[in-house]
Protein backbone atom coordinates (compact mmCIF):
# COMPACT_ATOMS: atom_id res chain seq x y z
CA MET A 1 51.63 25.02 54.60
CA ALA A 2 54.69 26.65 52.90
CA LYS A 3 55.60 25.95 49.58
CA GLN A 4 59.25 24.82 48.21
CA ILE A 5 60.13 25.62 45.17
CA LEU A 6 62.54 23.22 43.27
CA SER A 7 65.55 24.24 40.74
CA THR A 8 68.49 22.33 40.05
CA PRO A 9 70.87 22.73 37.37
CA ASN A 10 71.20 19.33 36.56
CA ALA A 11 67.61 19.51 34.87
CA PRO A 12 66.85 22.49 31.96
CA ALA A 13 66.23 25.74 33.44
CA ALA A 14 62.46 27.11 32.88
CA ILE A 15 61.99 28.65 29.53
CA GLY A 16 58.91 30.10 31.00
CA THR A 17 56.93 32.17 33.57
CA TYR A 18 57.02 28.56 35.96
CA SER A 19 59.32 26.33 38.57
CA GLN A 20 61.11 23.17 37.52
CA GLY A 21 58.63 21.94 40.58
CA VAL A 22 56.53 22.99 43.84
CA LYS A 23 56.66 21.11 46.90
CA VAL A 24 53.73 21.55 49.21
CA GLY A 25 54.11 18.64 52.04
CA ASP A 26 54.71 15.26 51.25
CA THR A 27 53.29 16.44 47.75
CA VAL A 28 55.94 17.18 44.70
CA TYR A 29 54.44 18.56 41.46
CA LEU A 30 56.97 18.57 38.67
CA SER A 31 56.42 20.81 35.54
CA GLY A 32 56.50 19.41 32.48
CA GLN A 33 59.92 18.83 30.98
CA ILE A 34 60.86 17.96 26.79
CA GLY A 35 64.48 16.22 26.08
CA LEU A 36 66.86 18.81 26.41
CA ASP A 37 70.09 18.47 27.32
CA ALA A 38 70.42 20.66 30.89
CA GLN A 39 73.94 21.74 29.80
CA THR A 40 73.74 22.49 26.21
CA MET A 41 69.84 23.42 26.40
CA VAL A 42 69.32 21.61 22.94
CA LEU A 43 66.82 19.52 22.33
CA VAL A 44 68.78 15.57 21.94
CA GLU A 45 67.68 13.83 18.57
CA GLY A 46 65.08 11.40 17.92
CA ILE A 47 61.88 9.80 19.97
CA GLU A 48 64.03 7.78 22.11
CA ALA A 49 66.79 9.91 23.14
CA GLN A 50 64.11 12.44 24.09
CA ILE A 51 62.13 10.31 26.23
CA HIS A 52 65.27 9.21 27.87
CA GLN A 53 66.24 12.62 28.44
CA VAL A 54 62.80 13.34 29.76
CA PHE A 55 62.75 10.91 32.46
CA LEU A 56 66.50 12.09 33.55
CA ASN A 57 65.11 15.65 33.44
CA LEU A 58 61.89 14.64 35.54
CA GLY A 59 64.42 12.39 38.14
CA GLU A 60 66.78 15.70 38.47
CA VAL A 61 63.96 17.94 39.94
CA ALA A 62 62.62 15.18 41.63
CA LYS A 63 66.04 14.38 43.34
CA ALA A 64 65.81 18.27 44.05
CA ALA A 65 62.71 16.81 46.39
CA GLY A 66 64.27 14.61 48.29
CA CYS A 67 62.58 12.11 46.13
CA GLY A 68 63.11 10.08 43.21
CA LEU A 69 61.03 8.68 40.42
CA ASN A 70 59.82 5.59 42.28
CA HIS A 71 57.55 8.15 44.01
CA THR A 72 55.74 9.04 41.26
CA VAL A 73 51.75 8.57 41.56
CA LYS A 74 50.97 10.65 38.38
CA LEU A 75 52.50 10.57 35.29
CA ASN A 76 51.15 12.42 32.16
CA VAL A 77 52.67 12.03 28.78
CA TYR A 78 52.30 13.92 25.76
CA LEU A 79 53.08 13.13 22.38
CA THR A 80 53.06 14.60 18.77
CA ASP A 81 52.54 11.02 17.18
CA LEU A 82 50.54 8.32 19.42
CA ALA A 83 52.20 5.76 17.41
CA ASN A 84 55.54 6.43 19.60
CA PHE A 85 53.24 5.28 22.87
CA ALA A 86 54.78 1.84 22.66
CA LYS A 87 57.95 3.27 22.99
CA VAL A 88 57.42 5.47 25.87
CA ASN A 89 55.77 2.38 27.70
CA GLU A 90 58.83 -0.18 26.95
CA ILE A 91 61.50 2.74 27.98
CA MET A 92 59.38 3.55 31.06
CA ALA A 93 59.92 -0.05 32.19
CA HIS A 94 63.43 1.41 32.88
CA TYR A 95 62.97 4.25 35.13
CA PHE A 96 60.12 2.21 36.72
CA GLY A 97 59.09 -0.60 38.58
CA GLN A 98 55.31 -2.06 39.62
CA PRO A 99 53.44 -0.74 40.96
CA TYR A 100 53.77 1.43 37.74
CA PRO A 101 52.26 4.97 38.66
CA ALA A 102 48.95 6.54 37.33
CA ARG A 103 49.44 7.76 33.89
CA ALA A 104 47.65 9.77 31.11
CA ALA A 105 48.85 9.30 27.33
CA VAL A 106 47.86 12.70 24.99
CA GLY A 107 48.18 13.14 21.44
CA VAL A 108 49.13 17.06 20.81
CA LYS A 109 49.69 19.26 18.30
CA GLU A 110 52.94 20.19 18.88
CA LEU A 111 54.85 20.99 21.85
CA PRO A 112 57.41 23.60 22.84
CA ARG A 113 60.82 23.58 20.50
CA GLY A 114 59.48 21.27 18.13
CA ALA A 115 60.12 18.36 21.01
CA LEU A 116 58.25 15.11 20.56
CA VAL A 117 57.48 14.23 23.88
CA GLU A 118 56.83 15.95 26.87
CA MET A 119 55.95 14.43 30.81
CA ASP A 120 54.52 15.94 33.81
CA ALA A 121 54.34 14.41 37.27
CA ILE A 122 53.08 14.45 40.88
CA LEU A 123 55.33 12.32 43.50
CA VAL A 124 54.29 11.77 46.93
CA ALA A 125 57.57 11.83 49.39
CA GLY A 126 57.92 8.71 51.72
CA SER A 127 55.26 6.60 49.24
C-alpha cells in the first residue's frame, strides 16, 4: 500500500523532520500537535487555549485525510503537568462523542516551544 503524506495550511507547518500526517490505506497517523496558531506559528496562551488549539489542529489534519476527529481510534496526550488532566477530559468532551477513542496520558518534563500539552492520534477512515 502506498502512503499518502498529509499537509494543510490550516494546521501548523511541521517544525522538524516529519509530516503533519500520513495515511496508509484506511489508517491515518497524525503527528503530535501543540497549541500553535497555524497562521502565526505562535503558541496560544494558557492550558485551556492550548488544549482547544491542539484539538483544532488535529482536526484540520484529519480533514486533509478526508476524516474528522470522530474517526480517532487512539489518542495520546502529553502533559507537562498532570494536574491539567481533568481539564483535558472536560475540553475533550466538546470534540468527541461516545464511544470515546482509546487514550493514553503521559506526564513529560517539557514539550517543544514550551508547550503545556501535545497530542497525536491514529484514525481509521470510514470508522
